[in-house]
Amino acid sequence: MRCFLRKGPEAALRTDGRGSGNLRRYDKILDKAQEEYEYEPPSAYYPEGYNLSLKLRKYKENEMLFLHDKRVPANNSLCEMLARVFKRKQKQVMVFRSQENPNYVCDGLSVVHLLRAKEGSTYQKIADIFRRKKHRRM
């Protein structure tokens, strides 16, 4: 990854021939979106698709880097999965009484995910955390 930080992701897109068909298809899709939005501009109430097409064009090198570097995952499913869990629970039962509470929930989800990644019982690890003695604040 260091070589991409030095050279930039656009260097990989220029030098590697793999995935060029996918890059052409990606460009076609974005060109079609641009044509559609020029013909019928987005309304103030529904700008999401237009904004997405602009972002995808702006960050094309970053979005398609996985085609050229096998170390880059093809999706960001872990992050998206954790965010979906949070949003689904928030819609179902969560009510936050302050701005700090969502941060606590996100921190808790992150800790549980990290504990699951390690060997052993996740329940036992969480129980061990709660059994620790708390430091007294003066």
N, C-alpha and C. Protein backbone atom coordinates (compact mmCIF):
# COMPACT_ATOMS: atom_id res chain seq x y z
N MET A 1 0.83 -1.19 0.00
CA MET A 1 0.00 0.00 0.00
C MET A 1 0.87 1.25 0.00
N ARG A 2 2.09 1.15 0.53
CA ARG A 2 2.97 2.32 0.57
C ARG A 2 3.27 2.84 -0.83
N CYS A 3 3.43 1.91 -1.79
CA CYS A 3 3.73 2.36 -3.16
C CYS A 3 2.58 3.18 -3.71
N PHE A 4 1.34 2.87 -3.34
CA PHE A 4 0.20 3.64 -3.83
C PHE A 4 0.11 4.98 -3.12
N LEU A 5 0.56 5.02 -1.88
CA LEU A 5 0.55 6.30 -1.18
C LEU A 5 1.56 7.26 -1.80
N ARG A 6 2.69 6.71 -2.25
CA ARG A 6 3.69 7.55 -2.89
C ARG A 6 3.29 7.94 -4.31
N LYS A 7 2.85 6.96 -5.10
CA LYS A 7 2.54 7.21 -6.50
C LYS A 7 1.12 7.70 -6.70
N GLY A 8 0.23 7.32 -5.82
CA GLY A 8 -1.18 7.66 -5.97
C GLY A 8 -1.91 6.55 -6.70
N PRO A 9 -3.20 6.36 -6.41
CA PRO A 9 -3.94 5.27 -7.03
C PRO A 9 -4.09 5.41 -8.54
N GLU A 10 -4.03 6.65 -9.05
CA GLU A 10 -4.19 6.82 -10.49
C GLU A 10 -3.03 6.20 -11.26
N ALA A 11 -1.85 6.05 -10.63
CA ALA A 11 -0.72 5.41 -11.29
C ALA A 11 -1.03 3.94 -11.58
N ALA A 12 -1.71 3.28 -10.65
CA ALA A 12 -2.06 1.88 -10.86
C ALA A 12 -3.07 1.74 -11.99
N LEU A 13 -3.99 2.67 -12.10
CA LEU A 13 -4.99 2.59 -13.15
C LEU A 13 -4.37 2.81 -14.53
N ARG A 14 -3.32 3.60 -14.60
CA ARG A 14 -2.68 3.86 -15.90
C ARG A 14 -1.80 2.71 -16.33
N THR A 15 -1.11 2.05 -15.39
CA THR A 15 -0.07 1.11 -15.77
C THR A 15 -0.56 -0.32 -15.92
N ASP A 16 -1.61 -0.71 -15.25
CA ASP A 16 -2.03 -2.10 -15.26
C ASP A 16 -3.17 -2.29 -16.26
N GLY A 17 -3.09 -3.33 -17.09
CA GLY A 17 -4.11 -3.57 -18.10
C GLY A 17 -5.29 -4.37 -17.60
N ARG A 18 -5.16 -5.06 -16.46
CA ARG A 18 -6.26 -5.88 -15.96
C ARG A 18 -7.44 -4.99 -15.58
N GLY A 19 -8.61 -5.45 -15.90
CA GLY A 19 -9.81 -4.73 -15.50
C GLY A 19 -10.15 -3.56 -16.39
N SER A 20 -9.47 -3.42 -17.54
CA SER A 20 -9.74 -2.26 -18.39
C SER A 20 -11.16 -2.30 -18.94
N GLY A 21 -11.69 -3.51 -19.18
CA GLY A 21 -13.08 -3.63 -19.63
C GLY A 21 -14.05 -3.12 -18.58
N ASN A 22 -13.75 -3.41 -17.33
CA ASN A 22 -14.59 -2.92 -16.25
C ASN A 22 -14.49 -1.40 -16.12
N LEU A 23 -13.32 -0.85 -16.37
CA LEU A 23 -13.17 0.60 -16.30
C LEU A 23 -13.95 1.29 -17.41
N ARG A 24 -13.94 0.69 -18.61
CA ARG A 24 -14.72 1.26 -19.71
C ARG A 24 -16.21 1.20 -19.40
N ARG A 25 -16.65 0.09 -18.83
CA ARG A 25 -18.07 -0.04 -18.47
C ARG A 25 -18.44 0.97 -17.38
N TYR A 26 -17.57 1.15 -16.41
CA TYR A 26 -17.78 2.13 -15.34
C TYR A 26 -17.94 3.53 -15.94
N ASP A 27 -17.05 3.86 -16.89
CA ASP A 27 -17.13 5.17 -17.56
C ASP A 27 -18.43 5.32 -18.36
N LYS A 28 -18.86 4.24 -19.03
CA LYS A 28 -20.10 4.29 -19.79
C LYS A 28 -21.30 4.58 -18.88
N ILE A 29 -21.32 3.92 -17.74
CA ILE A 29 -22.42 4.12 -16.79
C ILE A 29 -22.45 5.56 -16.31
N LEU A 30 -21.28 6.10 -15.97
CA LEU A 30 -21.22 7.49 -15.50
C LEU A 30 -21.56 8.47 -16.61
N ASP A 31 -21.15 8.16 -17.84
CA ASP A 31 -21.51 9.03 -18.97
C ASP A 31 -23.02 9.02 -19.20
N LYS A 32 -23.64 7.84 -19.09
CA LYS A 32 -25.08 7.73 -19.25
C LYS A 32 -25.80 8.54 -18.15
N ALA A 33 -25.31 8.47 -16.93
CA ALA A 33 -25.91 9.24 -15.84
C ALA A 33 -25.79 10.74 -16.12
N GLN A 34 -24.63 11.16 -16.63
CA GLN A 34 -24.44 12.57 -16.94
C GLN A 34 -25.41 13.02 -18.04
N GLU A 35 -25.57 12.20 -19.07
CA GLU A 35 -26.53 12.52 -20.13
C GLU A 35 -27.95 12.66 -19.58
N GLU A 36 -28.32 11.71 -18.73
CA GLU A 36 -29.68 11.72 -18.16
C GLU A 36 -29.91 12.98 -17.33
N TYR A 37 -28.91 13.35 -16.52
CA TYR A 37 -29.08 14.52 -15.66
C TYR A 37 -28.97 15.83 -16.43
N GLU A 38 -28.30 15.82 -17.59
CA GLU A 38 -28.30 17.01 -18.43
C GLU A 38 -29.65 17.17 -19.11
N TYR A 39 -30.24 16.03 -19.51
CA TYR A 39 -31.55 16.08 -20.17
C TYR A 39 -32.65 16.47 -19.18
N GLU A 40 -32.60 15.86 -18.00
CA GLU A 40 -33.58 16.15 -16.95
C GLU A 40 -32.83 16.38 -15.65
N PRO A 41 -32.57 17.63 -15.30
CA PRO A 41 -31.79 17.94 -14.10
C PRO A 41 -32.47 17.43 -12.83
N PRO A 42 -31.67 17.10 -11.82
CA PRO A 42 -32.24 16.60 -10.57
C PRO A 42 -33.00 17.70 -9.84
N SER A 43 -34.04 17.29 -9.13
CA SER A 43 -34.81 18.27 -8.36
C SER A 43 -34.14 18.50 -7.01
N ALA A 44 -34.54 19.53 -6.34
CA ALA A 44 -33.99 19.83 -5.02
C ALA A 44 -34.37 18.77 -4.00
N TYR A 45 -35.47 18.05 -4.28
CA TYR A 45 -35.95 17.05 -3.33
C TYR A 45 -35.27 15.70 -3.50
N TYR A 46 -34.73 15.40 -4.68
CA TYR A 46 -34.12 14.11 -4.94
C TYR A 46 -32.74 14.27 -5.60
N PRO A 47 -31.76 14.82 -4.90
CA PRO A 47 -30.44 15.00 -5.51
C PRO A 47 -29.50 13.82 -5.31
N GLU A 48 -29.96 12.75 -4.64
CA GLU A 48 -29.05 11.67 -4.24
C GLU A 48 -28.35 11.01 -5.42
N GLY A 49 -29.10 10.65 -6.46
CA GLY A 49 -28.48 9.98 -7.61
C GLY A 49 -27.47 10.87 -8.32
N TYR A 50 -27.80 12.14 -8.45
CA TYR A 50 -26.89 13.08 -9.10
C TYR A 50 -25.62 13.24 -8.27
N ASN A 51 -25.79 13.41 -6.97
CA ASN A 51 -24.63 13.55 -6.09
C ASN A 51 -23.76 12.30 -6.12
N LEU A 52 -24.40 11.13 -6.16
CA LEU A 52 -23.64 9.88 -6.22
C LEU A 52 -22.84 9.80 -7.51
N SER A 53 -23.43 10.17 -8.63
CA SER A 53 -22.69 10.10 -9.90
C SER A 53 -21.49 11.04 -9.89
N LEU A 54 -21.64 12.21 -9.28
CA LEU A 54 -20.50 13.13 -9.19
C LEU A 54 -19.39 12.56 -8.31
N LYS A 55 -19.77 11.96 -7.18
CA LYS A 55 -18.77 11.37 -6.28
C LYS A 55 -18.06 10.19 -6.94
N LEU A 56 -18.83 9.35 -7.64
CA LEU A 56 -18.21 8.20 -8.30
C LEU A 56 -17.23 8.62 -9.38
N ARG A 57 -17.53 9.68 -10.08
CA ARG A 57 -16.59 10.17 -11.09
C ARG A 57 -15.35 10.78 -10.42
N LYS A 58 -15.57 11.54 -9.37
CA LYS A 58 -14.46 12.22 -8.68
C LYS A 58 -13.50 11.20 -8.05
N TYR A 59 -14.04 10.13 -7.47
CA TYR A 59 -13.22 9.15 -6.76
C TYR A 59 -13.07 7.85 -7.54
N LYS A 60 -13.07 7.93 -8.86
CA LYS A 60 -12.98 6.74 -9.70
C LYS A 60 -11.75 5.91 -9.37
N GLU A 61 -10.62 6.54 -9.23
CA GLU A 61 -9.38 5.81 -8.96
C GLU A 61 -9.48 5.02 -7.66
N ASN A 62 -10.06 5.63 -6.65
CA ASN A 62 -10.19 4.94 -5.37
C ASN A 62 -11.22 3.81 -5.44
N GLU A 63 -12.31 4.04 -6.15
CA GLU A 63 -13.37 3.04 -6.24
C GLU A 63 -12.93 1.81 -7.02
N MET A 64 -12.08 1.98 -8.01
CA MET A 64 -11.69 0.87 -8.88
C MET A 64 -10.29 0.32 -8.59
N LEU A 65 -9.69 0.75 -7.52
CA LEU A 65 -8.33 0.31 -7.19
C LEU A 65 -8.25 -1.19 -6.96
N PHE A 66 -9.34 -1.81 -6.49
CA PHE A 66 -9.32 -3.26 -6.23
C PHE A 66 -9.08 -4.07 -7.50
N LEU A 67 -9.34 -3.50 -8.67
CA LEU A 67 -9.09 -4.23 -9.91
C LEU A 67 -7.61 -4.43 -10.18
N HIS A 68 -6.78 -3.55 -9.63
CA HIS A 68 -5.36 -3.56 -9.95
C HIS A 68 -4.46 -3.98 -8.79
N ASP A 69 -4.99 -3.92 -7.60
CA ASP A 69 -4.20 -4.29 -6.43
C ASP A 69 -4.99 -5.30 -5.62
N LYS A 70 -4.52 -6.52 -5.56
CA LYS A 70 -5.25 -7.59 -4.88
C LYS A 70 -5.30 -7.39 -3.36
N ARG A 71 -4.48 -6.50 -2.84
CA ARG A 71 -4.51 -6.25 -1.39
C ARG A 71 -5.70 -5.40 -0.99
N VAL A 72 -6.33 -4.74 -1.94
CA VAL A 72 -7.48 -3.89 -1.66
C VAL A 72 -8.75 -4.73 -1.81
N PRO A 73 -9.59 -4.80 -0.76
CA PRO A 73 -10.82 -5.60 -0.88
C PRO A 73 -11.78 -5.00 -1.89
N ALA A 74 -12.55 -5.86 -2.53
CA ALA A 74 -13.49 -5.40 -3.56
C ALA A 74 -14.67 -4.65 -2.97
N ASN A 75 -14.93 -4.85 -1.70
CA ASN A 75 -16.03 -4.12 -1.07
C ASN A 75 -15.63 -3.73 0.35
N ASN A 76 -16.42 -2.90 0.93
CA ASN A 76 -16.18 -2.45 2.29
C ASN A 76 -17.28 -3.04 3.17
N SER A 77 -17.50 -4.33 2.99
CA SER A 77 -18.68 -4.94 3.60
C SER A 77 -18.64 -4.93 5.12
N LEU A 78 -17.46 -5.02 5.73
CA LEU A 78 -17.41 -5.03 7.19
C LEU A 78 -17.92 -3.71 7.76
N CYS A 79 -17.42 -2.62 7.24
CA CYS A 79 -17.86 -1.31 7.71
C CYS A 79 -19.34 -1.10 7.43
N GLU A 80 -19.75 -1.46 6.22
CA GLU A 80 -21.16 -1.30 5.86
C GLU A 80 -22.05 -2.18 6.71
N MET A 81 -21.60 -3.40 7.00
CA MET A 81 -22.39 -4.32 7.82
C MET A 81 -22.59 -3.76 9.22
N LEU A 82 -21.52 -3.25 9.82
CA LEU A 82 -21.63 -2.69 11.17
C LEU A 82 -22.51 -1.45 11.18
N ALA A 83 -22.43 -0.64 10.15
CA ALA A 83 -23.28 0.55 10.09
C ALA A 83 -24.74 0.16 9.92
N ARG A 84 -25.02 -0.88 9.13
CA ARG A 84 -26.41 -1.33 8.96
C ARG A 84 -26.99 -1.85 10.26
N VAL A 85 -26.18 -2.59 11.04
CA VAL A 85 -26.65 -3.09 12.34
C VAL A 85 -27.04 -1.91 13.22
N PHE A 86 -26.20 -0.92 13.27
CA PHE A 86 -26.48 0.25 14.10
C PHE A 86 -27.75 0.97 13.64
N LYS A 87 -27.87 1.22 12.33
CA LYS A 87 -29.04 1.94 11.82
C LYS A 87 -30.33 1.15 12.03
N ARG A 88 -30.27 -0.17 11.84
CA ARG A 88 -31.47 -0.99 12.04
C ARG A 88 -31.92 -0.95 13.49
N LYS A 89 -30.98 -1.09 14.40
CA LYS A 89 -31.32 -1.04 15.83
C LYS A 89 -31.82 0.34 16.23
N GLN A 90 -31.22 1.36 15.65
CA GLN A 90 -31.64 2.72 15.98
C GLN A 90 -33.09 2.94 15.58
N LYS A 91 -33.48 2.44 14.42
CA LYS A 91 -34.86 2.60 13.98
C LYS A 91 -35.83 1.79 14.83
N GLN A 92 -35.37 0.64 15.35
CA GLN A 92 -36.26 -0.24 16.10
C GLN A 92 -36.48 0.24 17.53
N VAL A 93 -35.42 0.41 18.27
CA VAL A 93 -35.61 0.60 19.71
C VAL A 93 -34.80 1.72 20.36
N MET A 94 -33.81 2.25 19.70
CA MET A 94 -32.91 3.17 20.38
C MET A 94 -33.43 4.60 20.41
N VAL A 95 -33.31 5.19 21.57
CA VAL A 95 -33.60 6.60 21.74
C VAL A 95 -32.39 7.18 22.47
N PHE A 96 -31.76 8.16 21.86
CA PHE A 96 -30.58 8.75 22.46
C PHE A 96 -30.95 10.06 23.13
N ARG A 97 -30.57 10.19 24.37
CA ARG A 97 -30.92 11.39 25.12
C ARG A 97 -29.81 12.44 25.10
N SER A 98 -28.68 12.10 24.52
CA SER A 98 -27.60 13.09 24.37
C SER A 98 -26.81 12.76 23.11
N GLN A 99 -25.93 13.67 22.73
CA GLN A 99 -25.12 13.48 21.53
C GLN A 99 -24.00 12.46 21.74
N GLU A 100 -23.64 12.19 22.99
CA GLU A 100 -22.55 11.24 23.25
C GLU A 100 -23.01 9.79 23.16
N ASN A 101 -24.28 9.52 23.36
CA ASN A 101 -24.77 8.14 23.40
C ASN A 101 -24.54 7.38 22.09
N PRO A 102 -24.76 7.95 20.91
CA PRO A 102 -24.44 7.17 19.70
C PRO A 102 -22.96 6.78 19.63
N ASN A 103 -22.10 7.64 20.14
CA ASN A 103 -20.67 7.30 20.16
C ASN A 103 -20.41 6.09 21.06
N TYR A 104 -21.10 6.02 22.19
CA TYR A 104 -20.94 4.88 23.09
C TYR A 104 -21.40 3.59 22.42
N VAL A 105 -22.51 3.65 21.69
CA VAL A 105 -23.02 2.47 21.00
C VAL A 105 -22.03 2.02 19.93
N CYS A 106 -21.52 2.95 19.16
CA CYS A 106 -20.54 2.61 18.11
C CYS A 106 -19.27 2.03 18.72
N ASP A 107 -18.81 2.61 19.82
CA ASP A 107 -17.62 2.07 20.49
C ASP A 107 -17.88 0.65 20.97
N GLY A 108 -19.07 0.42 21.53
CA GLY A 108 -19.43 -0.92 22.01
C GLY A 108 -19.47 -1.93 20.88
N LEU A 109 -20.06 -1.55 19.73
CA LEU A 109 -20.09 -2.45 18.57
C LEU A 109 -18.68 -2.76 18.08
N SER A 110 -17.81 -1.76 18.10
CA SER A 110 -16.43 -1.97 17.66
C SER A 110 -15.70 -2.94 18.59
N VAL A 111 -15.90 -2.78 19.89
CA VAL A 111 -15.24 -3.66 20.86
C VAL A 111 -15.73 -5.09 20.67
N VAL A 112 -17.04 -5.28 20.53
CA VAL A 112 -17.58 -6.62 20.34
C VAL A 112 -17.03 -7.24 19.06
N HIS A 113 -16.95 -6.47 18.00
CA HIS A 113 -16.41 -7.01 16.75
C HIS A 113 -14.94 -7.42 16.92
N LEU A 114 -14.16 -6.61 17.60
CA LEU A 114 -12.75 -6.96 17.81
C LEU A 114 -12.62 -8.21 18.67
N LEU A 115 -13.48 -8.35 19.67
CA LEU A 115 -13.43 -9.54 20.51
C LEU A 115 -13.84 -10.79 19.73
N ARG A 116 -14.77 -10.65 18.81
CA ARG A 116 -15.17 -11.79 17.99
C ARG A 116 -14.05 -12.25 17.08
N ALA A 117 -13.20 -11.33 16.65
CA ALA A 117 -12.11 -11.67 15.74
C ALA A 117 -11.03 -12.50 16.43
N LYS A 118 -10.97 -12.43 17.76
CA LYS A 118 -9.96 -13.20 18.49
C LYS A 118 -10.48 -14.59 18.83
N GLU A 119 -9.56 -15.48 19.14
CA GLU A 119 -9.94 -16.85 19.51
C GLU A 119 -10.65 -16.85 20.87
N GLY A 120 -11.51 -17.82 21.07
CA GLY A 120 -12.16 -17.99 22.36
C GLY A 120 -13.58 -17.49 22.37
N SER A 121 -14.17 -17.55 23.56
CA SER A 121 -15.57 -17.19 23.75
C SER A 121 -15.72 -15.67 23.84
N THR A 122 -16.54 -15.12 22.97
CA THR A 122 -16.80 -13.68 23.00
C THR A 122 -17.51 -13.30 24.30
N TYR A 123 -18.45 -14.13 24.72
CA TYR A 123 -19.19 -13.87 25.96
C TYR A 123 -18.22 -13.80 27.15
N GLN A 124 -17.30 -14.75 27.21
CA GLN A 124 -16.36 -14.79 28.33
C GLN A 124 -15.46 -13.56 28.33
N LYS A 125 -15.04 -13.11 27.17
CA LYS A 125 -14.19 -11.92 27.09
C LYS A 125 -14.94 -10.67 27.54
N ILE A 126 -16.21 -10.55 27.14
CA ILE A 126 -17.00 -9.40 27.58
C ILE A 126 -17.24 -9.46 29.08
N ALA A 127 -17.51 -10.66 29.60
CA ALA A 127 -17.70 -10.82 31.04
C ALA A 127 -16.43 -10.43 31.80
N ASP A 128 -15.27 -10.79 31.26
CA ASP A 128 -14.01 -10.42 31.89
C ASP A 128 -13.83 -8.90 31.94
N ILE A 129 -14.25 -8.23 30.90
CA ILE A 129 -14.14 -6.76 30.88
C ILE A 129 -15.00 -6.16 31.98
N PHE A 130 -16.22 -6.66 32.14
CA PHE A 130 -17.11 -6.10 33.16
C PHE A 130 -16.69 -6.47 34.57
N ARG A 131 -15.93 -7.55 34.74
CA ARG A 131 -15.45 -7.94 36.07
C ARG A 131 -14.27 -7.11 36.55
N ARG A 132 -13.62 -6.40 35.65
CA ARG A 132 -12.47 -5.59 36.06
C ARG A 132 -12.90 -4.54 37.07
N LYS A 133 -11.98 -4.23 37.96
CA LYS A 133 -12.27 -3.17 38.93
C LYS A 133 -12.15 -1.83 38.25
N LYS A 134 -13.11 -0.98 38.53
CA LYS A 134 -13.10 0.35 37.94
C LYS A 134 -12.25 1.27 38.78
N HIS A 135 -11.56 2.18 38.11
CA HIS A 135 -10.76 3.17 38.81
C HIS A 135 -11.68 4.22 39.40
N ARG A 136 -11.39 4.60 40.62
CA ARG A 136 -12.19 5.64 41.25
C ARG A 136 -11.73 7.01 40.77
N ARG A 137 -12.70 7.85 40.46
CA ARG A 137 -12.38 9.21 40.06
C ARG A 137 -12.41 10.10 41.29
N MET A 138 -11.45 10.95 41.38
CA MET A 138 -11.39 11.84 42.54
C MET A 138 -11.96 13.18 42.22
